[in-house]
Amino acid sequence: MAVRPATDVFSEWADKNKDLGMEKGHAASVSEMLDMALAKTSSPFSAIDVGCGNGWVCRALEAIEGCTHAVGVDGSEAMIRKAKALGDGEFHMAKLPQWKPSERFDLIHSMEFLYYLHDPVSMVQSLHDEWLNEGGVLVAGVDHYLENEDSHGWPAALNVHMSLLSEAQWKQAMVDAGFVEVEMHRAAASGDFVGTLVMIGRKQSR
């Protein structure tokens, strides 16, 4: 059976309201990620959520004092349709990594997106070079990574491509892309969950 595009799976989930479960399941990790990123981000700031789903992180960002605007982008038509129905924010339905924003941002957030790409390392480079303002911050979280053995069966279970990288490989991707102050964290770890692998770094100012 041919591997399915991840965006098709997410559209099915949106139609079945599984996006609400994703929001609930990722809330703890995202809360920690935003706290880390906002501690490194000066106000006022602009933000974009890459792989925004139904837009819940964008809405959370826009509620933060100092956020001038938050943009969302996702490849799932059904998810973007939901995002637009749930709020007045700016949302783009677009295939990544081909799509590029028309502006640069001070903060990039991404949760559970990068490993669906065939070449996530190149995407990290693109985010640094083409998406971020100088001094801007990228924070990205992944639950599918080498050290999380429970996630290794997900590609076969969903019949979807997922790139499996180690924590060291993700960190090297950030460093090689040019990020400074690179940190790796495990967010929302619990007894039976090793935690969301969070990478955070800053684009150096000239």
N, C-alpha and C. Protein backbone atom coordinates (compact mmCIF):
# COMPACT_ATOMS: atom_id res chain seq x y z
N MET A 1 0.84 -1.21 0.00
CA MET A 1 0.00 0.00 0.00
C MET A 1 0.87 1.24 0.00
N ALA A 2 0.54 2.18 -0.86
CA ALA A 2 1.33 3.41 -0.98
C ALA A 2 1.24 4.23 0.31
N VAL A 3 2.35 4.86 0.64
CA VAL A 3 2.38 5.73 1.81
C VAL A 3 1.48 6.94 1.58
N ARG A 4 0.69 7.28 2.57
CA ARG A 4 -0.26 8.39 2.43
C ARG A 4 0.38 9.71 2.80
N PRO A 5 -0.04 10.80 2.17
CA PRO A 5 0.40 12.12 2.62
C PRO A 5 -0.12 12.38 4.04
N ALA A 6 0.74 12.91 4.88
CA ALA A 6 0.32 13.19 6.25
C ALA A 6 -0.85 14.17 6.28
N THR A 7 -0.89 15.09 5.31
CA THR A 7 -1.97 16.08 5.29
C THR A 7 -3.34 15.42 5.10
N ASP A 8 -3.38 14.29 4.38
CA ASP A 8 -4.64 13.57 4.22
C ASP A 8 -5.11 13.01 5.56
N VAL A 9 -4.18 12.48 6.32
CA VAL A 9 -4.51 11.94 7.64
C VAL A 9 -5.04 13.04 8.55
N PHE A 10 -4.37 14.19 8.54
CA PHE A 10 -4.80 15.29 9.41
C PHE A 10 -6.16 15.84 8.99
N SER A 11 -6.43 15.86 7.71
CA SER A 11 -7.74 16.31 7.27
C SER A 11 -8.83 15.35 7.76
N GLU A 12 -8.56 14.06 7.70
CA GLU A 12 -9.51 13.09 8.24
C GLU A 12 -9.74 13.31 9.72
N TRP A 13 -8.64 13.55 10.44
CA TRP A 13 -8.76 13.79 11.88
C TRP A 13 -9.58 15.05 12.16
N ALA A 14 -9.36 16.09 11.36
CA ALA A 14 -10.13 17.33 11.56
C ALA A 14 -11.61 17.07 11.35
N ASP A 15 -11.95 16.30 10.32
CA ASP A 15 -13.35 16.00 10.03
C ASP A 15 -13.99 15.17 11.14
N LYS A 16 -13.16 14.42 11.88
CA LYS A 16 -13.67 13.60 12.98
C LYS A 16 -13.49 14.29 14.33
N ASN A 17 -13.10 15.57 14.29
CA ASN A 17 -12.87 16.38 15.50
C ASN A 17 -11.74 15.85 16.37
N LYS A 18 -10.84 15.08 15.77
CA LYS A 18 -9.69 14.61 16.53
C LYS A 18 -8.69 15.72 16.79
N ASP A 19 -8.84 16.84 16.10
CA ASP A 19 -7.95 17.96 16.34
C ASP A 19 -8.07 18.47 17.77
N LEU A 20 -9.25 18.31 18.36
CA LEU A 20 -9.45 18.74 19.75
C LEU A 20 -8.63 17.86 20.69
N GLY A 21 -8.55 16.59 20.38
CA GLY A 21 -7.73 15.70 21.18
C GLY A 21 -6.25 16.00 21.03
N MET A 22 -5.84 16.37 19.82
CA MET A 22 -4.45 16.75 19.59
C MET A 22 -4.11 17.99 20.41
N GLU A 23 -5.02 18.94 20.41
CA GLU A 23 -4.80 20.17 21.19
C GLU A 23 -4.64 19.83 22.67
N LYS A 24 -5.52 18.99 23.19
CA LYS A 24 -5.45 18.62 24.60
C LYS A 24 -4.18 17.83 24.91
N GLY A 25 -3.84 16.92 24.00
CA GLY A 25 -2.67 16.08 24.23
C GLY A 25 -1.35 16.83 24.17
N HIS A 26 -1.30 17.88 23.37
CA HIS A 26 -0.05 18.63 23.19
C HIS A 26 0.01 19.86 24.09
N ALA A 27 -1.03 20.17 24.80
CA ALA A 27 -1.11 21.43 25.55
C ALA A 27 0.03 21.60 26.54
N ALA A 28 0.36 20.55 27.28
CA ALA A 28 1.40 20.67 28.30
C ALA A 28 2.76 20.95 27.67
N SER A 29 3.08 20.22 26.60
CA SER A 29 4.36 20.44 25.93
C SER A 29 4.43 21.84 25.33
N VAL A 30 3.36 22.26 24.65
CA VAL A 30 3.35 23.57 24.01
C VAL A 30 3.45 24.69 25.04
N SER A 31 2.80 24.52 26.16
CA SER A 31 2.90 25.54 27.21
C SER A 31 4.34 25.73 27.66
N GLU A 32 5.06 24.63 27.85
CA GLU A 32 6.47 24.73 28.23
C GLU A 32 7.29 25.35 27.10
N MET A 33 6.99 24.96 25.87
CA MET A 33 7.73 25.49 24.72
C MET A 33 7.57 27.00 24.61
N LEU A 34 6.33 27.47 24.75
CA LEU A 34 6.09 28.91 24.64
C LEU A 34 6.74 29.67 25.78
N ASP A 35 6.73 29.10 26.97
CA ASP A 35 7.40 29.76 28.10
C ASP A 35 8.89 29.92 27.81
N MET A 36 9.52 28.87 27.27
CA MET A 36 10.94 28.94 26.93
C MET A 36 11.20 30.01 25.88
N ALA A 37 10.37 29.99 24.84
CA ALA A 37 10.58 30.91 23.72
C ALA A 37 10.32 32.35 24.11
N LEU A 38 9.26 32.59 24.86
CA LEU A 38 8.91 33.95 25.22
C LEU A 38 9.94 34.56 26.17
N ALA A 39 10.63 33.72 26.93
CA ALA A 39 11.68 34.22 27.81
C ALA A 39 12.87 34.76 27.02
N LYS A 40 12.97 34.37 25.75
CA LYS A 40 14.06 34.80 24.89
C LYS A 40 13.61 35.82 23.84
N THR A 41 12.32 36.18 23.85
CA THR A 41 11.75 37.03 22.81
C THR A 41 11.36 38.39 23.38
N SER A 42 11.82 39.44 22.72
CA SER A 42 11.50 40.80 23.16
C SER A 42 10.15 41.23 22.61
N SER A 43 9.45 42.08 23.33
CA SER A 43 8.18 42.65 22.86
C SER A 43 8.44 44.02 22.25
N PRO A 44 7.64 44.38 21.25
CA PRO A 44 6.58 43.58 20.61
C PRO A 44 7.19 42.55 19.66
N PHE A 45 6.42 41.49 19.37
CA PHE A 45 6.94 40.45 18.50
C PHE A 45 5.83 39.90 17.60
N SER A 46 6.25 39.42 16.44
CA SER A 46 5.34 38.72 15.52
C SER A 46 5.66 37.23 15.61
N ALA A 47 4.68 36.39 15.26
CA ALA A 47 4.87 34.95 15.42
C ALA A 47 4.19 34.18 14.30
N ILE A 48 4.71 32.99 14.03
CA ILE A 48 4.08 32.09 13.09
C ILE A 48 4.13 30.68 13.67
N ASP A 49 3.04 29.94 13.49
CA ASP A 49 2.97 28.55 13.92
C ASP A 49 3.00 27.68 12.67
N VAL A 50 4.04 26.87 12.54
CA VAL A 50 4.24 26.05 11.36
C VAL A 50 3.68 24.65 11.63
N GLY A 51 2.63 24.30 10.88
CA GLY A 51 1.88 23.09 11.18
C GLY A 51 0.84 23.41 12.24
N CYS A 52 0.04 24.44 11.96
CA CYS A 52 -0.80 25.06 13.00
C CYS A 52 -2.07 24.29 13.33
N GLY A 53 -2.43 23.28 12.52
CA GLY A 53 -3.66 22.55 12.81
C GLY A 53 -4.86 23.48 12.82
N ASN A 54 -5.67 23.39 13.88
CA ASN A 54 -6.88 24.22 13.94
C ASN A 54 -6.62 25.62 14.49
N GLY A 55 -5.35 25.99 14.62
CA GLY A 55 -5.01 27.37 14.98
C GLY A 55 -4.97 27.67 16.46
N TRP A 56 -5.01 26.64 17.29
CA TRP A 56 -5.13 26.91 18.74
C TRP A 56 -3.90 27.60 19.32
N VAL A 57 -2.71 27.30 18.79
CA VAL A 57 -1.51 27.96 19.30
C VAL A 57 -1.48 29.42 18.85
N CYS A 58 -1.93 29.69 17.64
CA CYS A 58 -2.00 31.08 17.17
C CYS A 58 -2.92 31.91 18.06
N ARG A 59 -4.05 31.33 18.42
CA ARG A 59 -4.98 32.05 19.29
C ARG A 59 -4.36 32.29 20.67
N ALA A 60 -3.59 31.33 21.15
CA ALA A 60 -2.92 31.50 22.44
C ALA A 60 -1.85 32.59 22.35
N LEU A 61 -1.13 32.61 21.24
CA LEU A 61 -0.09 33.62 21.06
C LEU A 61 -0.69 35.03 20.98
N GLU A 62 -1.79 35.17 20.24
CA GLU A 62 -2.38 36.49 20.08
C GLU A 62 -2.95 37.03 21.39
N ALA A 63 -3.18 36.14 22.35
CA ALA A 63 -3.68 36.58 23.66
C ALA A 63 -2.56 37.06 24.56
N ILE A 64 -1.32 36.88 24.13
CA ILE A 64 -0.17 37.29 24.93
C ILE A 64 0.14 38.75 24.67
N GLU A 65 0.32 39.51 25.73
CA GLU A 65 0.64 40.92 25.60
C GLU A 65 1.98 41.07 24.87
N GLY A 66 2.01 41.91 23.88
CA GLY A 66 3.23 42.12 23.12
C GLY A 66 3.24 41.43 21.77
N CYS A 67 2.32 40.50 21.56
CA CYS A 67 2.25 39.83 20.26
C CYS A 67 1.47 40.72 19.30
N THR A 68 2.13 41.17 18.24
CA THR A 68 1.48 42.06 17.28
C THR A 68 0.53 41.28 16.37
N HIS A 69 0.93 40.10 15.95
CA HIS A 69 0.07 39.21 15.18
C HIS A 69 0.70 37.82 15.11
N ALA A 70 -0.15 36.83 14.96
CA ALA A 70 0.30 35.45 14.85
C ALA A 70 -0.32 34.83 13.60
N VAL A 71 0.51 34.23 12.78
CA VAL A 71 0.09 33.62 11.52
C VAL A 71 0.20 32.10 11.65
N GLY A 72 -0.71 31.40 11.02
CA GLY A 72 -0.65 29.95 11.01
C GLY A 72 -0.56 29.41 9.60
N VAL A 73 0.18 28.31 9.43
CA VAL A 73 0.27 27.66 8.12
C VAL A 73 0.19 26.15 8.32
N ASP A 74 -0.56 25.49 7.45
CA ASP A 74 -0.73 24.04 7.55
C ASP A 74 -1.08 23.50 6.16
N GLY A 75 -0.69 22.26 5.90
CA GLY A 75 -0.97 21.65 4.62
C GLY A 75 -2.31 20.95 4.53
N SER A 76 -3.03 20.89 5.65
CA SER A 76 -4.33 20.23 5.68
C SER A 76 -5.45 21.24 5.45
N GLU A 77 -6.17 21.05 4.36
CA GLU A 77 -7.25 21.98 4.03
C GLU A 77 -8.32 22.00 5.12
N ALA A 78 -8.65 20.81 5.65
CA ALA A 78 -9.69 20.74 6.68
C ALA A 78 -9.26 21.43 7.97
N MET A 79 -7.99 21.31 8.33
CA MET A 79 -7.49 21.97 9.53
C MET A 79 -7.55 23.48 9.37
N ILE A 80 -7.13 23.99 8.22
CA ILE A 80 -7.16 25.44 7.99
C ILE A 80 -8.60 25.94 7.96
N ARG A 81 -9.48 25.16 7.40
CA ARG A 81 -10.90 25.54 7.40
C ARG A 81 -11.40 25.70 8.84
N LYS A 82 -11.00 24.78 9.70
CA LYS A 82 -11.40 24.88 11.11
C LYS A 82 -10.76 26.09 11.77
N ALA A 83 -9.48 26.32 11.47
CA ALA A 83 -8.78 27.45 12.08
C ALA A 83 -9.47 28.76 11.75
N LYS A 84 -9.87 28.91 10.51
CA LYS A 84 -10.55 30.14 10.09
C LYS A 84 -11.93 30.27 10.71
N ALA A 85 -12.58 29.13 10.95
CA ALA A 85 -13.91 29.16 11.56
C ALA A 85 -13.85 29.49 13.04
N LEU A 86 -12.72 29.18 13.68
CA LEU A 86 -12.61 29.35 15.13
C LEU A 86 -12.06 30.71 15.54
N GLY A 87 -11.54 31.48 14.58
CA GLY A 87 -10.97 32.78 14.94
C GLY A 87 -10.76 33.64 13.73
N ASP A 88 -10.32 34.87 13.98
CA ASP A 88 -10.14 35.85 12.90
C ASP A 88 -8.70 35.98 12.44
N GLY A 89 -7.85 35.04 12.85
CA GLY A 89 -6.44 35.16 12.54
C GLY A 89 -6.12 34.92 11.07
N GLU A 90 -4.85 35.06 10.74
CA GLU A 90 -4.36 34.85 9.37
C GLU A 90 -3.84 33.43 9.24
N PHE A 91 -4.48 32.65 8.37
CA PHE A 91 -4.11 31.25 8.20
C PHE A 91 -3.92 30.94 6.71
N HIS A 92 -2.90 30.14 6.44
CA HIS A 92 -2.57 29.77 5.06
C HIS A 92 -2.60 28.26 4.90
N MET A 93 -3.31 27.78 3.90
CA MET A 93 -3.26 26.37 3.53
C MET A 93 -2.17 26.25 2.48
N ALA A 94 -1.08 25.57 2.81
CA ALA A 94 0.06 25.52 1.91
C ALA A 94 0.88 24.28 2.15
N LYS A 95 1.46 23.77 1.08
CA LYS A 95 2.34 22.62 1.18
C LYS A 95 3.74 23.09 1.58
N LEU A 96 4.29 22.42 2.56
CA LEU A 96 5.64 22.73 3.02
C LEU A 96 6.54 21.56 2.66
N PRO A 97 7.80 21.84 2.32
CA PRO A 97 8.54 23.08 2.54
C PRO A 97 8.49 24.09 1.39
N GLN A 98 7.68 23.83 0.35
CA GLN A 98 7.72 24.72 -0.82
C GLN A 98 7.27 26.14 -0.50
N TRP A 99 6.25 26.29 0.32
CA TRP A 99 5.68 27.60 0.62
C TRP A 99 6.64 28.42 1.48
N LYS A 100 6.69 29.71 1.22
CA LYS A 100 7.48 30.63 2.03
C LYS A 100 6.60 31.81 2.42
N PRO A 101 6.75 32.34 3.63
CA PRO A 101 5.94 33.49 4.05
C PRO A 101 6.38 34.77 3.34
N SER A 102 5.49 35.72 3.28
CA SER A 102 5.79 37.00 2.62
C SER A 102 6.49 37.97 3.57
N GLU A 103 6.62 37.59 4.82
CA GLU A 103 7.31 38.41 5.81
C GLU A 103 8.14 37.50 6.70
N ARG A 104 9.01 38.09 7.49
CA ARG A 104 9.78 37.33 8.46
C ARG A 104 9.22 37.58 9.86
N PHE A 105 9.52 36.67 10.78
CA PHE A 105 8.90 36.72 12.10
C PHE A 105 9.96 36.72 13.20
N ASP A 106 9.51 37.20 14.37
CA ASP A 106 10.39 37.23 15.55
C ASP A 106 10.36 35.90 16.30
N LEU A 107 9.28 35.15 16.15
CA LEU A 107 9.14 33.88 16.84
C LEU A 107 8.49 32.87 15.91
N ILE A 108 9.13 31.72 15.76
CA ILE A 108 8.56 30.59 15.04
C ILE A 108 8.30 29.48 16.03
N HIS A 109 7.06 28.98 16.02
CA HIS A 109 6.69 27.84 16.84
C HIS A 109 6.29 26.69 15.92
N SER A 110 6.68 25.49 16.27
CA SER A 110 6.26 24.32 15.50
C SER A 110 6.18 23.11 16.42
N MET A 111 5.03 22.46 16.43
CA MET A 111 4.84 21.27 17.26
C MET A 111 4.37 20.11 16.39
N GLU A 112 5.12 19.02 16.41
CA GLU A 112 4.74 17.80 15.68
C GLU A 112 4.54 18.04 14.19
N PHE A 113 5.54 18.69 13.60
CA PHE A 113 5.50 18.93 12.15
C PHE A 113 6.75 18.44 11.44
N LEU A 114 7.92 18.78 11.94
CA LEU A 114 9.15 18.64 11.18
C LEU A 114 9.41 17.22 10.70
N TYR A 115 9.12 16.22 11.51
CA TYR A 115 9.52 14.86 11.12
C TYR A 115 8.63 14.27 10.02
N TYR A 116 7.55 14.92 9.67
CA TYR A 116 6.74 14.45 8.54
C TYR A 116 7.41 14.76 7.20
N LEU A 117 8.39 15.63 7.21
CA LEU A 117 9.10 15.99 5.99
C LEU A 117 10.15 14.94 5.66
N HIS A 118 10.42 14.78 4.36
CA HIS A 118 11.47 13.85 3.95
C HIS A 118 12.85 14.41 4.25
N ASP A 119 12.98 15.73 4.32
CA ASP A 119 14.26 16.36 4.62
C ASP A 119 14.04 17.46 5.66
N PRO A 120 13.79 17.06 6.91
CA PRO A 120 13.53 18.09 7.93
C PRO A 120 14.72 18.98 8.22
N VAL A 121 15.93 18.46 7.98
CA VAL A 121 17.12 19.27 8.24
C VAL A 121 17.15 20.50 7.32
N SER A 122 16.77 20.31 6.06
CA SER A 122 16.71 21.45 5.14
C SER A 122 15.64 22.45 5.57
N MET A 123 14.56 21.96 6.15
CA MET A 123 13.50 22.86 6.63
C MET A 123 14.01 23.71 7.78
N VAL A 124 14.79 23.12 8.67
CA VAL A 124 15.37 23.89 9.77
C VAL A 124 16.24 25.01 9.21
N GLN A 125 17.01 24.68 8.17
CA GLN A 125 17.85 25.70 7.52
C GLN A 125 16.98 26.81 6.91
N SER A 126 15.90 26.42 6.24
CA SER A 126 15.01 27.39 5.62
C SER A 126 14.36 28.29 6.66
N LEU A 127 13.94 27.72 7.77
CA LEU A 127 13.32 28.52 8.83
C LEU A 127 14.30 29.58 9.32
N HIS A 128 15.56 29.19 9.45
CA HIS A 128 16.58 30.13 9.89
C HIS A 128 16.82 31.22 8.84
N ASP A 129 16.99 30.81 7.59
CA ASP A 129 17.42 31.74 6.55
C ASP A 129 16.30 32.60 6.00
N GLU A 130 15.08 32.04 5.89
CA GLU A 130 14.02 32.70 5.12
C GLU A 130 12.78 33.07 5.93
N TRP A 131 12.68 32.60 7.15
CA TRP A 131 11.46 32.85 7.93
C TRP A 131 11.68 33.78 9.13
N LEU A 132 12.89 33.79 9.67
CA LEU A 132 13.15 34.50 10.93
C LEU A 132 13.80 35.85 10.71
N ASN A 133 13.37 36.82 11.52
CA ASN A 133 14.09 38.07 11.63
C ASN A 133 15.40 37.84 12.38
N GLU A 134 16.36 38.72 12.18
CA GLU A 134 17.59 38.66 12.97
C GLU A 134 17.23 38.79 14.45
N GLY A 135 17.83 37.96 15.26
CA GLY A 135 17.53 37.94 16.68
C GLY A 135 16.30 37.14 17.03
N GLY A 136 15.62 36.61 16.00
CA GLY A 136 14.40 35.85 16.22
C GLY A 136 14.67 34.47 16.80
N VAL A 137 13.61 33.85 17.32
CA VAL A 137 13.72 32.58 18.04
C VAL A 137 12.87 31.51 17.36
N LEU A 138 13.45 30.33 17.20
CA LEU A 138 12.70 29.15 16.77
C LEU A 138 12.57 28.19 17.93
N VAL A 139 11.35 27.74 18.18
CA VAL A 139 11.13 26.66 19.14
C VAL A 139 10.30 25.60 18.44
N ALA A 140 10.79 24.37 18.43
CA ALA A 140 10.12 23.28 17.73
C ALA A 140 10.11 22.04 18.62
N GLY A 141 8.99 21.33 18.60
CA GLY A 141 8.86 20.12 19.40
C GLY A 141 8.50 18.93 18.54
N VAL A 142 9.09 17.78 18.85
CA VAL A 142 8.78 16.53 18.15
C VAL A 142 8.61 15.41 19.18
N ASP A 143 7.61 14.58 18.96
CA ASP A 143 7.42 13.40 19.80
C ASP A 143 7.96 12.14 19.15
N HIS A 144 8.17 12.18 17.84
CA HIS A 144 8.74 11.04 17.10
C HIS A 144 10.23 11.29 16.93
N TYR A 145 11.04 10.65 17.78
CA TYR A 145 12.49 10.78 17.69
C TYR A 145 13.13 9.51 18.24
N LEU A 146 14.39 9.31 17.97
CA LEU A 146 15.06 8.03 18.22
C LEU A 146 14.94 7.58 19.67
N GLU A 147 15.09 8.52 20.60
CA GLU A 147 15.08 8.14 22.01
C GLU A 147 13.69 7.82 22.55
N ASN A 148 12.65 8.17 21.80
CA ASN A 148 11.28 7.82 22.20
C ASN A 148 10.88 6.54 21.47
N GLU A 149 11.24 5.41 22.04
CA GLU A 149 11.01 4.12 21.37
C GLU A 149 9.53 3.85 21.12
N ASP A 150 8.67 4.40 21.96
CA ASP A 150 7.22 4.18 21.78
C ASP A 150 6.71 4.78 20.47
N SER A 151 7.47 5.70 19.90
CA SER A 151 7.03 6.37 18.67
C SER A 151 7.50 5.66 17.40
N HIS A 152 8.35 4.66 17.54
CA HIS A 152 8.97 4.07 16.35
C HIS A 152 7.97 3.36 15.45
N GLY A 153 6.85 2.92 16.00
CA GLY A 153 5.86 2.21 15.20
C GLY A 153 4.83 3.11 14.54
N TRP A 154 4.90 4.39 14.79
CA TRP A 154 3.88 5.30 14.25
C TRP A 154 3.82 5.32 12.73
N PRO A 155 4.95 5.37 12.01
CA PRO A 155 4.86 5.44 10.55
C PRO A 155 4.10 4.25 9.96
N ALA A 156 4.37 3.05 10.46
CA ALA A 156 3.67 1.86 9.94
C ALA A 156 2.20 1.87 10.34
N ALA A 157 1.92 2.32 11.57
CA ALA A 157 0.54 2.32 12.05
C ALA A 157 -0.34 3.27 11.25
N LEU A 158 0.23 4.41 10.84
CA LEU A 158 -0.53 5.43 10.10
C LEU A 158 -0.30 5.34 8.59
N ASN A 159 0.67 4.53 8.19
CA ASN A 159 1.06 4.45 6.78
C ASN A 159 1.45 5.82 6.24
N VAL A 160 2.28 6.50 7.03
CA VAL A 160 2.73 7.86 6.71
C VAL A 160 4.24 7.93 6.88
N HIS A 161 4.92 8.68 6.02
CA HIS A 161 6.36 8.87 6.17
C HIS A 161 6.66 9.71 7.41
N MET A 162 7.65 9.27 8.19
CA MET A 162 8.18 10.06 9.29
C MET A 162 9.70 9.88 9.31
N SER A 163 10.43 10.97 9.43
CA SER A 163 11.89 10.92 9.51
C SER A 163 12.29 10.73 10.98
N LEU A 164 13.10 9.72 11.23
CA LEU A 164 13.50 9.40 12.61
C LEU A 164 14.92 9.90 12.85
N LEU A 165 15.04 10.96 13.63
CA LEU A 165 16.33 11.53 13.99
C LEU A 165 16.54 11.42 15.50
N SER A 166 17.79 11.39 15.91
CA SER A 166 18.12 11.38 17.33
C SER A 166 18.16 12.80 17.88
N GLU A 167 18.20 12.91 19.19
CA GLU A 167 18.32 14.23 19.81
C GLU A 167 19.60 14.92 19.33
N ALA A 168 20.69 14.16 19.23
CA ALA A 168 21.95 14.75 18.77
C ALA A 168 21.85 15.24 17.33
N GLN A 169 21.14 14.50 16.50
CA GLN A 169 20.98 14.92 15.09
C GLN A 169 20.13 16.17 14.97
N TRP A 170 19.07 16.26 15.77
CA TRP A 170 18.25 17.47 15.75
C TRP A 170 19.07 18.68 16.21
N LYS A 171 19.86 18.48 17.27
CA LYS A 171 20.68 19.59 17.76
C LYS A 171 21.69 20.02 16.71
N GLN A 172 22.31 19.05 16.04
CA GLN A 172 23.29 19.38 15.00
C GLN A 172 22.63 20.13 13.85
N ALA A 173 21.40 19.76 13.52
CA ALA A 173 20.67 20.46 12.46
C ALA A 173 20.49 21.94 12.82
N MET A 174 20.18 22.21 14.09
CA MET A 174 20.02 23.59 14.54
C MET A 174 21.35 24.35 14.45
N VAL A 175 22.41 23.71 14.92
CA VAL A 175 23.73 24.35 14.91
C VAL A 175 24.19 24.60 13.48
N ASP A 176 24.06 23.57 12.63
CA ASP A 176 24.50 23.70 11.24
C ASP A 176 23.72 24.77 10.48
N ALA A 177 22.45 24.99 10.86
CA ALA A 177 21.63 26.00 10.20
C ALA A 177 22.06 27.41 10.56
N GLY A 178 22.83 27.54 11.65
CA GLY A 178 23.32 28.86 12.05
C GLY A 178 22.71 29.38 13.34
N PHE A 179 21.85 28.57 13.98
CA PHE A 179 21.26 29.02 15.24
C PHE A 179 22.32 29.08 16.33
N VAL A 180 22.17 30.06 17.21
CA VAL A 180 23.03 30.19 18.38
C VAL A 180 22.18 30.00 19.63
N GLU A 181 22.87 29.85 20.76
CA GLU A 181 22.17 29.61 22.04
C GLU A 181 21.23 28.41 21.92
N VAL A 182 21.67 27.38 21.19
CA VAL A 182 20.82 26.21 20.97
C VAL A 182 20.69 25.40 22.26
N GLU A 183 19.45 25.08 22.60
CA GLU A 183 19.16 24.26 23.78
C GLU A 183 18.22 23.13 23.39
N MET A 184 18.37 22.00 24.05
CA MET A 184 17.49 20.85 23.86
C MET A 184 16.84 20.53 25.20
N HIS A 185 15.54 20.30 25.19
CA HIS A 185 14.80 20.01 26.40
C HIS A 185 13.85 18.84 26.17
N ARG A 186 13.39 18.25 27.25
CA ARG A 186 12.31 17.26 27.20
C ARG A 186 11.12 17.88 27.96
N ALA A 187 10.09 18.20 27.22
CA ALA A 187 8.92 18.86 27.82
C ALA A 187 7.85 17.84 28.17
N ALA A 188 7.14 18.10 29.25
CA ALA A 188 5.98 17.31 29.67
C ALA A 188 6.30 15.83 29.88
N ALA A 189 7.53 15.54 30.29
CA ALA A 189 7.90 14.15 30.55
C ALA A 189 7.12 13.65 31.77
N SER A 190 6.71 12.38 31.69
CA SER A 190 5.99 11.76 32.79
C SER A 190 6.50 10.33 32.95
N GLY A 191 5.88 9.57 33.82
CA GLY A 191 6.36 8.23 34.10
C GLY A 191 6.45 7.34 32.88
N ASP A 192 5.48 7.44 31.98
CA ASP A 192 5.46 6.57 30.80
C ASP A 192 5.74 7.33 29.50
N PHE A 193 6.19 8.55 29.59
CA PHE A 193 6.46 9.36 28.40
C PHE A 193 7.80 10.06 28.59
N VAL A 194 8.73 9.81 27.65
CA VAL A 194 10.07 10.40 27.78
C VAL A 194 10.06 11.90 27.55
N GLY A 195 8.96 12.42 27.03
CA GLY A 195 8.82 13.86 26.85
C GLY A 195 8.93 14.27 25.40
N THR A 196 8.32 15.41 25.09
CA THR A 196 8.48 16.02 23.78
C THR A 196 9.90 16.56 23.68
N LEU A 197 10.60 16.20 22.61
CA LEU A 197 11.93 16.74 22.39
C LEU A 197 11.79 18.16 21.85
N VAL A 198 12.29 19.11 22.59
CA VAL A 198 12.16 20.53 22.22
C VAL A 198 13.53 21.08 21.87
N MET A 199 13.60 21.71 20.70
CA MET A 199 14.82 22.41 20.29
C MET A 199 14.50 23.90 20.21
N ILE A 200 15.42 24.69 20.71
CA ILE A 200 15.20 26.14 20.71
C ILE A 200 16.53 26.82 20.40
N GLY A 201 16.46 27.85 19.57
CA GLY A 201 17.67 28.57 19.21
C GLY A 201 17.33 29.95 18.67
N ARG A 202 18.35 30.78 18.57
CA ARG A 202 18.17 32.16 18.12
C ARG A 202 18.97 32.40 16.83
N LYS A 203 18.39 33.21 15.94
CA LYS A 203 19.12 33.66 14.75
C LYS A 203 19.97 34.85 15.15
N GLN A 204 21.23 34.73 14.94
CA GLN A 204 22.16 35.75 15.38
C GLN A 204 21.92 37.08 14.67
N SER A 205 22.04 38.16 15.43
CA SER A 205 21.95 39.50 14.84
C SER A 205 23.30 39.86 14.27
N ARG A 206 23.29 40.54 13.14
CA ARG A 206 24.55 40.95 12.53
C ARG A 206 25.17 42.11 13.27
